Amino acid sequence: MKKLTISEDIIPMGEFKTGISKFLKSLNETGRHLVITQNGRPAGVVLTPNEYDKLTYQNSFVNSVNQGQQDIESGEYYTTDQVKEKIKMARTARNSQ
């Protein structure tokens, strides 16, 4: 994500509404997000679809790592040998059907 430039990347809602296509074109060209204000306070952020996908993927990854750390701390994990044995048993069961 590119750095926020206060003079260019923070715009009032009214200005955004009257120039949506111009702002979306600029957003896609520069890759910088826009902060939309309403009554002088931040009301929303507009991102490119690629930037949104990147943020949601990163969030999902971080959540997954955190869950893994919690599982390890609580003792809820399998060793490599245990995983291999479970796979072997599942293959054997599938092949015997």
N, C-alpha and C. Protein backbone atom coordinates (compact mmCIF):
# COMPACT_ATOMS: atom_id res chain seq x y z
N MET A 1 0.84 -1.17 0.00
CA MET A 1 0.00 0.00 0.00
C MET A 1 0.89 1.24 0.00
N LYS A 2 0.56 2.16 -0.86
CA LYS A 2 1.35 3.39 -0.96
C LYS A 2 1.04 4.30 0.23
N LYS A 3 1.99 5.20 0.51
CA LYS A 3 1.82 6.13 1.63
C LYS A 3 0.69 7.10 1.34
N LEU A 4 0.01 7.48 2.40
CA LEU A 4 -1.07 8.45 2.33
C LEU A 4 -0.49 9.85 2.13
N THR A 5 -1.02 10.56 1.14
CA THR A 5 -0.64 11.95 0.90
C THR A 5 -1.85 12.79 1.28
N ILE A 6 -1.74 13.50 2.38
CA ILE A 6 -2.89 14.22 2.94
C ILE A 6 -3.52 15.18 1.93
N SER A 7 -2.71 15.89 1.18
CA SER A 7 -3.26 16.89 0.26
C SER A 7 -4.00 16.26 -0.92
N GLU A 8 -3.74 15.00 -1.23
CA GLU A 8 -4.35 14.38 -2.40
C GLU A 8 -5.27 13.20 -2.07
N ASP A 9 -5.05 12.55 -0.94
CA ASP A 9 -5.74 11.28 -0.68
C ASP A 9 -6.88 11.38 0.31
N ILE A 10 -7.12 12.54 0.89
CA ILE A 10 -8.25 12.74 1.80
C ILE A 10 -9.19 13.74 1.13
N ILE A 11 -10.42 13.28 0.86
CA ILE A 11 -11.36 14.15 0.14
C ILE A 11 -12.74 14.10 0.81
N PRO A 12 -13.46 15.21 0.76
CA PRO A 12 -14.81 15.23 1.31
C PRO A 12 -15.78 14.42 0.45
N MET A 13 -16.82 13.91 1.10
CA MET A 13 -17.82 13.10 0.42
C MET A 13 -18.41 13.82 -0.79
N GLY A 14 -18.75 15.09 -0.64
CA GLY A 14 -19.35 15.84 -1.74
C GLY A 14 -18.44 15.90 -2.96
N GLU A 15 -17.17 16.13 -2.73
CA GLU A 15 -16.20 16.19 -3.83
C GLU A 15 -16.06 14.81 -4.48
N PHE A 16 -16.08 13.76 -3.66
CA PHE A 16 -15.98 12.40 -4.20
C PHE A 16 -17.20 12.09 -5.07
N LYS A 17 -18.38 12.45 -4.58
CA LYS A 17 -19.62 12.15 -5.33
C LYS A 17 -19.63 12.83 -6.69
N THR A 18 -19.11 14.05 -6.77
CA THR A 18 -19.16 14.77 -8.04
C THR A 18 -18.06 14.34 -9.01
N GLY A 19 -17.05 13.63 -8.52
CA GLY A 19 -15.95 13.22 -9.40
C GLY A 19 -15.56 11.77 -9.25
N ILE A 20 -16.57 10.90 -9.01
CA ILE A 20 -16.28 9.49 -8.75
C ILE A 20 -15.40 8.87 -9.84
N SER A 21 -15.77 9.04 -11.09
CA SER A 21 -15.01 8.38 -12.16
C SER A 21 -13.57 8.89 -12.20
N LYS A 22 -13.37 10.17 -11.98
CA LYS A 22 -12.02 10.74 -11.96
C LYS A 22 -11.21 10.13 -10.82
N PHE A 23 -11.82 10.03 -9.63
CA PHE A 23 -11.10 9.49 -8.48
C PHE A 23 -10.80 8.00 -8.64
N LEU A 24 -11.75 7.24 -9.20
CA LEU A 24 -11.51 5.81 -9.41
C LEU A 24 -10.41 5.58 -10.45
N LYS A 25 -10.39 6.41 -11.48
CA LYS A 25 -9.34 6.30 -12.48
C LYS A 25 -7.97 6.59 -11.85
N SER A 26 -7.91 7.64 -11.06
CA SER A 26 -6.67 8.00 -10.37
C SER A 26 -6.24 6.91 -9.40
N LEU A 27 -7.21 6.34 -8.70
CA LEU A 27 -6.95 5.26 -7.75
C LEU A 27 -6.27 4.08 -8.45
N ASN A 28 -6.80 3.70 -9.59
CA ASN A 28 -6.22 2.57 -10.33
C ASN A 28 -4.87 2.90 -10.94
N GLU A 29 -4.66 4.15 -11.32
CA GLU A 29 -3.38 4.55 -11.91
C GLU A 29 -2.28 4.68 -10.86
N THR A 30 -2.61 5.25 -9.70
CA THR A 30 -1.59 5.52 -8.69
C THR A 30 -1.43 4.38 -7.68
N GLY A 31 -2.50 3.62 -7.47
CA GLY A 31 -2.46 2.55 -6.47
C GLY A 31 -2.63 3.06 -5.05
N ARG A 32 -2.82 4.37 -4.89
CA ARG A 32 -3.00 4.95 -3.56
C ARG A 32 -4.49 4.92 -3.21
N HIS A 33 -4.78 4.65 -1.97
CA HIS A 33 -6.17 4.61 -1.54
C HIS A 33 -6.66 6.02 -1.23
N LEU A 34 -7.99 6.15 -1.11
CA LEU A 34 -8.61 7.43 -0.80
C LEU A 34 -9.33 7.34 0.54
N VAL A 35 -9.20 8.36 1.34
CA VAL A 35 -9.96 8.48 2.58
C VAL A 35 -11.07 9.49 2.30
N ILE A 36 -12.31 9.03 2.47
CA ILE A 36 -13.47 9.89 2.23
C ILE A 36 -13.93 10.43 3.58
N THR A 37 -14.13 11.75 3.66
CA THR A 37 -14.59 12.34 4.92
C THR A 37 -16.04 12.78 4.81
N GLN A 38 -16.70 12.78 5.95
CA GLN A 38 -18.07 13.28 6.04
C GLN A 38 -18.13 14.15 7.29
N ASN A 39 -18.54 15.39 7.12
CA ASN A 39 -18.55 16.35 8.23
C ASN A 39 -17.17 16.48 8.87
N GLY A 40 -16.12 16.41 8.04
CA GLY A 40 -14.75 16.60 8.51
C GLY A 40 -14.12 15.41 9.21
N ARG A 41 -14.82 14.28 9.25
CA ARG A 41 -14.29 13.09 9.91
C ARG A 41 -14.18 11.95 8.91
N PRO A 42 -13.20 11.07 9.07
CA PRO A 42 -13.09 9.93 8.16
C PRO A 42 -14.37 9.10 8.17
N ALA A 43 -14.89 8.78 6.97
CA ALA A 43 -16.13 8.00 6.86
C ALA A 43 -15.92 6.71 6.08
N GLY A 44 -14.86 6.63 5.29
CA GLY A 44 -14.62 5.43 4.50
C GLY A 44 -13.29 5.50 3.80
N VAL A 45 -12.88 4.35 3.30
CA VAL A 45 -11.63 4.24 2.56
C VAL A 45 -11.93 3.49 1.27
N VAL A 46 -11.44 3.99 0.15
CA VAL A 46 -11.62 3.34 -1.14
C VAL A 46 -10.27 2.76 -1.57
N LEU A 47 -10.28 1.45 -1.88
CA LEU A 47 -9.07 0.74 -2.29
C LEU A 47 -9.26 0.15 -3.67
N THR A 48 -8.17 -0.17 -4.35
CA THR A 48 -8.27 -0.93 -5.59
C THR A 48 -8.67 -2.36 -5.23
N PRO A 49 -9.30 -3.08 -6.15
CA PRO A 49 -9.63 -4.48 -5.87
C PRO A 49 -8.40 -5.31 -5.51
N ASN A 50 -7.28 -5.07 -6.18
CA ASN A 50 -6.06 -5.82 -5.88
C ASN A 50 -5.57 -5.55 -4.46
N GLU A 51 -5.64 -4.31 -4.03
CA GLU A 51 -5.21 -3.95 -2.68
C GLU A 51 -6.13 -4.59 -1.64
N TYR A 52 -7.43 -4.59 -1.93
CA TYR A 52 -8.38 -5.23 -1.02
C TYR A 52 -8.09 -6.73 -0.90
N ASP A 53 -7.88 -7.39 -2.04
CA ASP A 53 -7.56 -8.82 -2.03
C ASP A 53 -6.29 -9.09 -1.23
N LYS A 54 -5.29 -8.26 -1.41
CA LYS A 54 -4.02 -8.42 -0.70
C LYS A 54 -4.23 -8.29 0.81
N LEU A 55 -4.99 -7.30 1.24
CA LEU A 55 -5.25 -7.11 2.66
C LEU A 55 -6.05 -8.27 3.26
N THR A 56 -7.07 -8.76 2.54
CA THR A 56 -7.86 -9.87 3.08
C THR A 56 -7.03 -11.15 3.13
N TYR A 57 -6.16 -11.37 2.14
CA TYR A 57 -5.28 -12.55 2.17
C TYR A 57 -4.32 -12.46 3.35
N GLN A 58 -3.72 -11.30 3.55
CA GLN A 58 -2.79 -11.13 4.67
C GLN A 58 -3.50 -11.34 6.00
N ASN A 59 -4.71 -10.83 6.13
CA ASN A 59 -5.47 -11.00 7.36
C ASN A 59 -5.77 -12.48 7.60
N SER A 60 -6.16 -13.17 6.56
CA SER A 60 -6.45 -14.61 6.68
C SER A 60 -5.20 -15.37 7.07
N PHE A 61 -4.07 -15.04 6.49
CA PHE A 61 -2.80 -15.71 6.80
C PHE A 61 -2.41 -15.48 8.26
N VAL A 62 -2.49 -14.24 8.70
CA VAL A 62 -2.13 -13.91 10.09
C VAL A 62 -3.06 -14.64 11.06
N ASN A 63 -4.36 -14.67 10.76
CA ASN A 63 -5.30 -15.40 11.62
C ASN A 63 -4.96 -16.88 11.68
N SER A 64 -4.58 -17.46 10.55
CA SER A 64 -4.21 -18.87 10.50
C SER A 64 -2.97 -19.15 11.35
N VAL A 65 -1.97 -18.29 11.24
CA VAL A 65 -0.75 -18.45 12.04
C VAL A 65 -1.07 -18.32 13.52
N ASN A 66 -1.89 -17.34 13.88
CA ASN A 66 -2.27 -17.17 15.28
C ASN A 66 -3.02 -18.38 15.81
N GLN A 67 -3.91 -18.95 14.99
CA GLN A 67 -4.64 -20.15 15.40
C GLN A 67 -3.68 -21.31 15.61
N GLY A 68 -2.70 -21.44 14.73
CA GLY A 68 -1.69 -22.49 14.87
C GLY A 68 -0.89 -22.33 16.15
N GLN A 69 -0.54 -21.12 16.49
CA GLN A 69 0.20 -20.87 17.73
C GLN A 69 -0.65 -21.20 18.95
N GLN A 70 -1.93 -20.86 18.90
CA GLN A 70 -2.82 -21.19 20.00
C GLN A 70 -2.97 -22.71 20.15
N ASP A 71 -3.06 -23.42 19.02
CA ASP A 71 -3.17 -24.88 19.06
C ASP A 71 -1.93 -25.50 19.68
N ILE A 72 -0.77 -24.99 19.33
CA ILE A 72 0.48 -25.51 19.89
C ILE A 72 0.52 -25.27 21.39
N GLU A 73 0.17 -24.06 21.81
CA GLU A 73 0.19 -23.73 23.23
C GLU A 73 -0.78 -24.58 24.05
N SER A 74 -1.90 -24.97 23.43
CA SER A 74 -2.89 -25.77 24.15
C SER A 74 -2.65 -27.27 23.99
N GLY A 75 -1.60 -27.62 23.23
CA GLY A 75 -1.27 -29.04 23.05
C GLY A 75 -2.11 -29.74 21.99
N GLU A 76 -2.84 -28.99 21.20
CA GLU A 76 -3.69 -29.57 20.15
C GLU A 76 -2.95 -29.57 18.81
N TYR A 77 -2.07 -30.53 18.65
CA TYR A 77 -1.32 -30.63 17.40
C TYR A 77 -0.92 -32.10 17.19
N TYR A 78 -0.49 -32.40 15.98
CA TYR A 78 -0.01 -33.73 15.63
C TYR A 78 1.46 -33.63 15.24
N THR A 79 2.23 -34.64 15.59
CA THR A 79 3.61 -34.71 15.12
C THR A 79 3.60 -35.17 13.67
N THR A 80 4.72 -35.03 13.00
CA THR A 80 4.82 -35.49 11.61
C THR A 80 4.53 -36.97 11.51
N ASP A 81 5.05 -37.75 12.43
CA ASP A 81 4.81 -39.20 12.41
C ASP A 81 3.33 -39.52 12.59
N GLN A 82 2.65 -38.78 13.45
CA GLN A 82 1.21 -38.99 13.65
C GLN A 82 0.43 -38.66 12.39
N VAL A 83 0.80 -37.60 11.71
CA VAL A 83 0.12 -37.21 10.46
C VAL A 83 0.34 -38.28 9.40
N LYS A 84 1.57 -38.76 9.28
CA LYS A 84 1.87 -39.81 8.29
C LYS A 84 1.05 -41.05 8.58
N GLU A 85 0.92 -41.42 9.84
CA GLU A 85 0.15 -42.61 10.21
C GLU A 85 -1.33 -42.43 9.89
N LYS A 86 -1.88 -41.25 10.15
CA LYS A 86 -3.28 -40.98 9.83
C LYS A 86 -3.52 -41.06 8.31
N ILE A 87 -2.59 -40.53 7.53
CA ILE A 87 -2.70 -40.59 6.07
C ILE A 87 -2.65 -42.04 5.60
N LYS A 88 -1.72 -42.79 6.16
CA LYS A 88 -1.58 -44.21 5.80
C LYS A 88 -2.86 -44.97 6.12
N MET A 89 -3.45 -44.72 7.29
CA MET A 89 -4.68 -45.40 7.68
C MET A 89 -5.84 -45.00 6.76
N ALA A 90 -5.90 -43.73 6.39
CA ALA A 90 -6.98 -43.27 5.51
C ALA A 90 -6.84 -43.89 4.12
N ARG A 91 -5.62 -44.01 3.62
CA ARG A 91 -5.39 -44.64 2.30
C ARG A 91 -5.77 -46.11 2.35
N THR A 92 -5.39 -46.77 3.43
CA THR A 92 -5.71 -48.19 3.57
C THR A 92 -7.22 -48.39 3.61
N ALA A 93 -7.91 -47.57 4.36
CA ALA A 93 -9.37 -47.66 4.44
C ALA A 93 -10.00 -47.38 3.10
N ARG A 94 -9.50 -46.40 2.38
CA ARG A 94 -10.07 -46.06 1.07
C ARG A 94 -9.83 -47.18 0.06
N ASN A 95 -8.65 -47.77 0.08
CA ASN A 95 -8.31 -48.82 -0.87
C ASN A 95 -9.03 -50.13 -0.58
N SER A 96 -9.46 -50.33 0.66
CA SER A 96 -10.16 -51.58 0.99
C SER A 96 -11.65 -51.51 0.68
N GLN A 97 -12.13 -50.37 0.24
CA GLN A 97 -13.56 -50.24 -0.07
C GLN A 97 -13.91 -50.77 -1.42
